Amino acid sequence: MGRHREFDVEKALDAVLCVFWRKGYEGASYTDLTEAAGVERPALYSAFGNKEALFRRALARYYERYMDFIPEALQRPTAREVAAHILYSSADLHTRYPSHPGCLNINGALAGSDEAEPIRHALIDVRAAGEAQLRERFERAKAEGDLSETAKPDALAAFVMAVGHGMAVQAKAGFTRDMLEAVAEQALSTWPTR
């Protein structure tokens, strides 16, 4: 029979999530992760597996706890409101935590070695899935007449994603929430009208 864990797995996962969010996948050392979790390396491995498995769990937790504004946005009545909700919520999230600004998804994969390629692909897949949901929502808006006949749902989805990702990078570089909201407002000023 296995030994009883002597630490709170959920709290440890939240702690390492913040490390990955701040430092990215490769920037987070095992020492960083074990210190944040408050456990020794064998206990961390026992609970989560290797670093890649731990990152994947942290990424899932991130989407569950911090990206809940995406499903909310997709329910907004107009395509512009969808985009606005995503961009303003992104400005909030990217600047809410001074110790780890930006976005875990973006911070996690801006640079990486060959060994981190599976993580880079996992992050690409997550972003692609989000973009696909957004594109589908904009296609529905076009079919319903909320967007003009000439609107390009795929380009609009890519545009919103690109602005959101750029905002994450700028937050990591020190941009304030006010500045990111100004960026969102500028982006929305170009939104196609019917």
C-alpha atoms as a PDB file:
ATOM      1  CA  MET A   1       0.000   0.000   0.000  1.00  0.00           C
ATOM      2  CA  GLY A   2       1.332   3.461  -0.921  1.00  0.00           C
ATOM      3  CA  ARG A   3       2.254   6.076   1.619  1.00  0.00           C
ATOM      4  CA  HIS A   4      -0.211   8.829   2.378  1.00  0.00           C
ATOM      5  CA  ARG A   5       0.712  12.103   0.683  1.00  0.00           C
ATOM      6  CA  GLU A   6       1.895  14.662   3.175  1.00  0.00           C
ATOM      7  CA  PHE A   7       0.956  17.722   1.140  1.00  0.00           C
ATOM      8  CA  ASP A   8      -2.097  19.249  -0.492  1.00  0.00           C
ATOM      9  CA  VAL A   9      -1.900  18.296  -4.164  1.00  0.00           C
ATOM     10  CA  GLU A  10      -4.345  21.015  -5.222  1.00  0.00           C
ATOM     11  CA  LYS A  11      -2.381  23.770  -3.472  1.00  0.00           C
ATOM     12  CA  ALA A  12       0.850  22.421  -4.933  1.00  0.00           C
ATOM     13  CA  LEU A  13      -0.666  22.479  -8.424  1.00  0.00           C
ATOM     14  CA  ASP A  14      -1.798  26.078  -7.953  1.00  0.00           C
ATOM     15  CA  ALA A  15       1.688  27.036  -6.778  1.00  0.00           C
ATOM     16  CA  VAL A  16       3.500  25.442  -9.716  1.00  0.00           C
ATOM     17  CA  LEU A  17       0.949  26.919 -12.117  1.00  0.00           C
ATOM     18  CA  CYS A  18       2.078  30.375 -10.978  1.00  0.00           C
ATOM     19  CA  VAL A  19       5.721  29.434 -11.536  1.00  0.00           C
ATOM     20  CA  PHE A  20       5.014  28.229 -15.077  1.00  0.00           C
ATOM     21  CA  TRP A  21       2.902  31.336 -15.688  1.00  0.00           C
ATOM     22  CA  ARG A  22       5.741  33.609 -14.610  1.00  0.00           C
ATOM     23  CA  LYS A  23       8.715  31.737 -16.073  1.00  0.00           C
ATOM     24  CA  GLY A  24       7.333  29.636 -18.907  1.00  0.00           C
ATOM     25  CA  TYR A  25       7.859  25.909 -19.301  1.00  0.00           C
ATOM     26  CA  GLU A  26      11.598  25.906 -19.810  1.00  0.00           C
ATOM     27  CA  GLY A  27      12.303  28.826 -17.524  1.00  0.00           C
ATOM     28  CA  ALA A  28      10.785  26.968 -14.580  1.00  0.00           C
ATOM     29  CA  SER A  29      13.471  24.833 -12.947  1.00  0.00           C
ATOM     30  CA  TYR A  30      12.763  21.802 -10.795  1.00  0.00           C
ATOM     31  CA  THR A  31      14.055  23.826  -7.853  1.00  0.00           C
ATOM     32  CA  ASP A  32      11.542  26.588  -8.636  1.00  0.00           C
ATOM     33  CA  LEU A  33       8.723  24.066  -8.837  1.00  0.00           C
ATOM     34  CA  THR A  34       9.583  22.143  -5.672  1.00  0.00           C
ATOM     35  CA  GLU A  35      10.127  25.336  -3.679  1.00  0.00           C
ATOM     36  CA  ALA A  36       6.782  26.741  -4.818  1.00  0.00           C
ATOM     37  CA  ALA A  37       4.996  23.483  -4.051  1.00  0.00           C
ATOM     38  CA  GLY A  38       6.776  23.139  -0.723  1.00  0.00           C
ATOM     39  CA  VAL A  39       7.745  19.523  -1.375  1.00  0.00           C
ATOM     40  CA  GLU A  40      10.776  17.511  -2.396  1.00  0.00           C
ATOM     41  CA  ARG A  41      11.254  16.448  -5.991  1.00  0.00           C
ATOM     42  CA  PRO A  42      10.270  12.766  -5.443  1.00  0.00           C
ATOM     43  CA  ALA A  43       6.955  13.813  -3.892  1.00  0.00           C
ATOM     44  CA  LEU A  44       6.247  16.140  -6.807  1.00  0.00           C
ATOM     45  CA  TYR A  45       7.029  13.372  -9.298  1.00  0.00           C
ATOM     46  CA  SER A  46       4.917  10.908  -7.354  1.00  0.00           C
ATOM     47  CA  ALA A  47       1.919  13.235  -7.437  1.00  0.00           C
ATOM     48  CA  PHE A  48       2.205  14.559 -10.986  1.00  0.00           C
ATOM     49  CA  GLY A  49       4.746  12.574 -12.987  1.00  0.00           C
ATOM     50  CA  ASN A  50       7.487  14.387 -14.886  1.00  0.00           C
ATOM     51  CA  LYS A  51       7.766  18.103 -15.637  1.00  0.00           C
ATOM     52  CA  GLU A  52       5.820  17.814 -18.892  1.00  0.00           C
ATOM     53  CA  ALA A  53       2.917  16.039 -17.153  1.00  0.00           C
ATOM     54  CA  LEU A  54       2.993  18.649 -14.401  1.00  0.00           C
ATOM     55  CA  PHE A  55       2.858  21.463 -16.956  1.00  0.00           C
ATOM     56  CA  ARG A  56      -0.047  19.842 -18.766  1.00  0.00           C
ATOM     57  CA  ARG A  57      -1.970  19.580 -15.477  1.00  0.00           C
ATOM     58  CA  ALA A  58      -1.144  23.213 -14.700  1.00  0.00           C
ATOM     59  CA  LEU A  59      -2.307  24.264 -18.175  1.00  0.00           C
ATOM     60  CA  ALA A  60      -5.614  22.432 -17.723  1.00  0.00           C
ATOM     61  CA  ARG A  61      -6.043  24.108 -14.332  1.00  0.00           C
ATOM     62  CA  TYR A  62      -5.256  27.494 -15.918  1.00  0.00           C
ATOM     63  CA  TYR A  63      -8.023  27.085 -18.475  1.00  0.00           C
ATOM     64  CA  GLU A  64     -10.448  25.840 -15.853  1.00  0.00           C
ATOM     65  CA  ARG A  65      -9.799  28.631 -13.341  1.00  0.00           C
ATOM     66  CA  TYR A  66      -8.658  31.634 -15.356  1.00  0.00           C
ATOM     67  CA  MET A  67      -9.954  31.326 -18.906  1.00  0.00           C
ATOM     68  CA  ASP A  68     -13.622  30.922 -18.006  1.00  0.00           C
ATOM     69  CA  PHE A  69     -14.293  34.211 -19.769  1.00  0.00           C
ATOM     70  CA  ILE A  70     -13.911  32.471 -23.155  1.00  0.00           C
ATOM     71  CA  PRO A  71     -17.078  30.333 -22.897  1.00  0.00           C
ATOM     72  CA  GLU A  72     -18.850  33.392 -21.433  1.00  0.00           C
ATOM     73  CA  ALA A  73     -17.716  35.481 -24.413  1.00  0.00           C
ATOM     74  CA  LEU A  74     -18.953  32.935 -26.929  1.00  0.00           C
ATOM     75  CA  GLN A  75     -22.470  33.341 -25.503  1.00  0.00           C
ATOM     76  CA  ARG A  76     -22.596  37.116 -26.103  1.00  0.00           C
ATOM     77  CA  PRO A  77     -25.332  38.205 -28.524  1.00  0.00           C
ATOM     78  CA  THR A  78     -23.121  39.877 -31.146  1.00  0.00           C
ATOM     79  CA  ALA A  79     -19.735  39.111 -32.653  1.00  0.00           C
ATOM     80  CA  ARG A  80     -18.403  42.496 -31.546  1.00  0.00           C
ATOM     81  CA  GLU A  81     -19.505  41.796 -27.964  1.00  0.00           C
ATOM     82  CA  VAL A  82     -17.732  38.414 -28.165  1.00  0.00           C
ATOM     83  CA  ALA A  83     -14.507  40.106 -29.249  1.00  0.00           C
ATOM     84  CA  ALA A  84     -14.874  42.906 -26.680  1.00  0.00           C
ATOM     85  CA  HIS A  85     -15.460  40.468 -23.823  1.00  0.00           C
ATOM     86  CA  ILE A  86     -12.383  38.457 -24.790  1.00  0.00           C
ATOM     87  CA  LEU A  87     -10.109  41.474 -25.187  1.00  0.00           C
ATOM     88  CA  TYR A  88     -11.174  43.333 -22.039  1.00  0.00           C
ATOM     89  CA  SER A  89     -11.118  40.129 -19.973  1.00  0.00           C
ATOM     90  CA  SER A  90      -7.649  39.414 -21.351  1.00  0.00           C
ATOM     91  CA  ALA A  91      -6.471  42.881 -20.302  1.00  0.00           C
ATOM     92  CA  ASP A  92      -7.742  42.132 -16.803  1.00  0.00           C
ATOM     93  CA  LEU A  93      -6.224  38.656 -16.547  1.00  0.00           C
ATOM     94  CA  HIS A  94      -2.867  39.645 -18.011  1.00  0.00           C
ATOM     95  CA  THR A  95      -2.406  42.377 -15.414  1.00  0.00           C
ATOM     96  CA  ARG A  96      -4.301  41.000 -12.399  1.00  0.00           C
ATOM     97  CA  TYR A  97      -1.316  39.255 -10.815  1.00  0.00           C
ATOM     98  CA  PRO A  98       1.799  41.444 -10.602  1.00  0.00           C
ATOM     99  CA  SER A  99       3.997  38.463  -9.738  1.00  0.00           C
ATOM    100  CA  HIS A 100       3.057  36.646 -12.955  1.00  0.00           C
ATOM    101  CA  PRO A 101       1.721  38.992 -15.638  1.00  0.00           C
ATOM    102  CA  GLY A 102       0.792  37.931 -19.131  1.00  0.00           C
ATOM    103  CA  CYS A 103      -0.662  34.580 -20.149  1.00  0.00           C
ATOM    104  CA  LEU A 104       0.512  31.094 -19.171  1.00  0.00           C
ATOM    105  CA  ASN A 105      -0.215  29.859 -22.673  1.00  0.00           C
ATOM    106  CA  ILE A 106       1.914  32.573 -24.289  1.00  0.00           C
ATOM    107  CA  ASN A 107       4.628  32.778 -21.602  1.00  0.00           C
ATOM    108  CA  GLY A 108       4.915  28.995 -21.697  1.00  0.00           C
ATOM    109  CA  ALA A 109       6.003  28.760 -25.297  1.00  0.00           C
ATOM    110  CA  LEU A 110       7.660  31.934 -26.504  1.00  0.00           C
ATOM    111  CA  ALA A 111      10.990  30.142 -26.712  1.00  0.00           C
ATOM    112  CA  GLY A 112      11.900  26.527 -26.333  1.00  0.00           C
ATOM    113  CA  SER A 113      14.441  23.832 -26.987  1.00  0.00           C
ATOM    114  CA  ASP A 114      13.934  20.665 -28.981  1.00  0.00           C
ATOM    115  CA  GLU A 115      13.185  18.821 -25.730  1.00  0.00           C
ATOM    116  CA  ALA A 116      10.238  21.152 -25.095  1.00  0.00           C
ATOM    117  CA  GLU A 117       8.725  20.563 -28.541  1.00  0.00           C
ATOM    118  CA  PRO A 118       5.812  18.454 -27.164  1.00  0.00           C
ATOM    119  CA  ILE A 119       4.857  21.343 -24.865  1.00  0.00           C
ATOM    120  CA  ARG A 120       5.102  23.857 -27.700  1.00  0.00           C
ATOM    121  CA  HIS A 121       2.776  21.679 -29.782  1.00  0.00           C
ATOM    122  CA  ALA A 122       0.344  21.261 -26.873  1.00  0.00           C
ATOM    123  CA  LEU A 123       0.157  25.042 -26.508  1.00  0.00           C
ATOM    124  CA  ILE A 124      -0.298  25.498 -30.266  1.00  0.00           C
ATOM    125  CA  ASP A 125      -3.135  22.953 -30.166  1.00  0.00           C
ATOM    126  CA  VAL A 126      -4.852  24.750 -27.276  1.00  0.00           C
ATOM    127  CA  ARG A 127      -4.637  28.098 -29.059  1.00  0.00           C
ATOM    128  CA  ALA A 128      -5.858  26.548 -32.330  1.00  0.00           C
ATOM    129  CA  ALA A 129      -8.864  25.049 -30.554  1.00  0.00           C
ATOM    130  CA  GLY A 130      -9.708  28.451 -29.103  1.00  0.00           C
ATOM    131  CA  GLU A 131      -9.377  30.110 -32.486  1.00  0.00           C
ATOM    132  CA  ALA A 132     -11.629  27.441 -34.036  1.00  0.00           C
ATOM    133  CA  GLN A 133     -14.336  28.124 -31.431  1.00  0.00           C
ATOM    134  CA  LEU A 134     -14.102  31.824 -32.133  1.00  0.00           C
ATOM    135  CA  ARG A 135     -14.213  31.294 -35.909  1.00  0.00           C
ATOM    136  CA  GLU A 136     -17.313  29.099 -35.554  1.00  0.00           C
ATOM    137  CA  ARG A 137     -19.000  31.765 -33.420  1.00  0.00           C
ATOM    138  CA  PHE A 138     -18.212  34.428 -36.028  1.00  0.00           C
ATOM    139  CA  GLU A 139     -19.472  32.160 -38.830  1.00  0.00           C
ATOM    140  CA  ARG A 140     -22.737  31.876 -36.912  1.00  0.00           C
ATOM    141  CA  ALA A 141     -22.825  35.679 -36.528  1.00  0.00           C
ATOM    142  CA  LYS A 142     -22.394  36.051 -40.283  1.00  0.00           C
ATOM    143  CA  ALA A 143     -25.135  33.500 -40.990  1.00  0.00           C
ATOM    144  CA  GLU A 144     -27.459  35.352 -38.592  1.00  0.00           C
ATOM    145  CA  GLY A 145     -26.753  38.693 -40.261  1.00  0.00           C
ATOM    146  CA  ASP A 146     -24.804  40.142 -37.324  1.00  0.00           C
ATOM    147  CA  LEU A 147     -21.736  40.380 -39.562  1.00  0.00           C
ATOM    148  CA  SER A 148     -21.810  41.573 -43.150  1.00  0.00           C
ATOM    149  CA  GLU A 149     -21.723  39.258 -46.145  1.00  0.00           C
ATOM    150  CA  THR A 150     -18.138  40.332 -46.814  1.00  0.00           C
ATOM    151  CA  ALA A 151     -16.915  39.644 -43.271  1.00  0.00           C
ATOM    152  CA  LYS A 152     -14.258  36.943 -42.977  1.00  0.00           C
ATOM    153  CA  PRO A 153     -14.869  34.925 -39.792  1.00  0.00           C
ATOM    154  CA  ASP A 154     -11.501  33.170 -40.025  1.00  0.00           C
ATOM    155  CA  ALA A 155      -9.617  36.479 -40.330  1.00  0.00           C
ATOM    156  CA  LEU A 156     -11.660  38.046 -37.515  1.00  0.00           C
ATOM    157  CA  ALA A 157     -10.930  35.092 -35.222  1.00  0.00           C
ATOM    158  CA  ALA A 158      -7.226  35.266 -36.061  1.00  0.00           C
ATOM    159  CA  PHE A 159      -7.291  39.043 -35.482  1.00  0.00           C
ATOM    160  CA  VAL A 160      -8.855  38.737 -32.010  1.00  0.00           C
ATOM    161  CA  MET A 161      -6.394  35.991 -31.086  1.00  0.00           C
ATOM    162  CA  ALA A 162      -3.424  38.000 -32.377  1.00  0.00           C
ATOM    163  CA  VAL A 163      -4.459  41.097 -30.432  1.00  0.00           C
ATOM    164  CA  GLY A 164      -5.055  39.044 -27.285  1.00  0.00           C
ATOM    165  CA  HIS A 165      -1.697  37.310 -27.589  1.00  0.00           C
ATOM    166  CA  GLY A 166       0.062  40.595 -28.243  1.00  0.00           C
ATOM    167  CA  MET A 167      -1.592  42.031 -25.138  1.00  0.00           C
ATOM    168  CA  ALA A 168      -0.207  39.102 -23.120  1.00  0.00           C
ATOM    169  CA  VAL A 169       3.310  39.810 -24.353  1.00  0.00           C
ATOM    170  CA  GLN A 170       2.930  43.517 -23.604  1.00  0.00           C
ATOM    171  CA  ALA A 171       1.620  42.762 -20.096  1.00  0.00           C
ATOM    172  CA  LYS A 172       4.699  40.637 -19.464  1.00  0.00           C
ATOM    173  CA  ALA A 173       6.761  43.645 -20.607  1.00  0.00           C
ATOM    174  CA  GLY A 174       5.031  45.899 -18.066  1.00  0.00           C
ATOM    175  CA  PHE A 175       2.043  47.419 -19.864  1.00  0.00           C
ATOM    176  CA  THR A 176      -0.720  48.456 -17.463  1.00  0.00           C
ATOM    177  CA  ARG A 177      -4.314  47.336 -17.582  1.00  0.00           C
ATOM    178  CA  ASP A 178      -5.322  50.834 -18.728  1.00  0.00           C
ATOM    179  CA  MET A 179      -2.945  50.621 -21.671  1.00  0.00           C
ATOM    180  CA  LEU A 180      -4.137  47.121 -22.599  1.00  0.00           C
ATOM    181  CA  GLU A 181      -7.740  48.317 -22.457  1.00  0.00           C
ATOM    182  CA  ALA A 182      -6.777  51.168 -24.774  1.00  0.00           C
ATOM    183  CA  VAL A 183      -5.301  48.571 -27.151  1.00  0.00           C
ATOM    184  CA  ALA A 184      -8.544  46.578 -26.967  1.00  0.00           C
ATOM    185  CA  GLU A 185     -10.560  49.730 -27.669  1.00  0.00           C
ATOM    186  CA  GLN A 186      -8.360  50.554 -30.661  1.00  0.00           C
ATOM    187  CA  ALA A 187      -8.728  47.030 -32.026  1.00  0.00           C
ATOM    188  CA  LEU A 188     -12.499  47.139 -31.598  1.00  0.00           C
ATOM    189  CA  SER A 189     -12.677  50.478 -33.424  1.00  0.00           C
ATOM    190  CA  THR A 190     -11.801  48.566 -36.602  1.00  0.00           C
ATOM    191  CA  TRP A 191     -14.604  46.018 -36.129  1.00  0.00           C
ATOM    192  CA  PRO A 192     -16.649  45.527 -39.307  1.00  0.00           C
ATOM    193  CA  THR A 193     -20.164  46.904 -39.294  1.00  0.00           C
ATOM    194  CA  ARG A 194     -23.193  45.519 -41.078  1.00  0.00           C
END
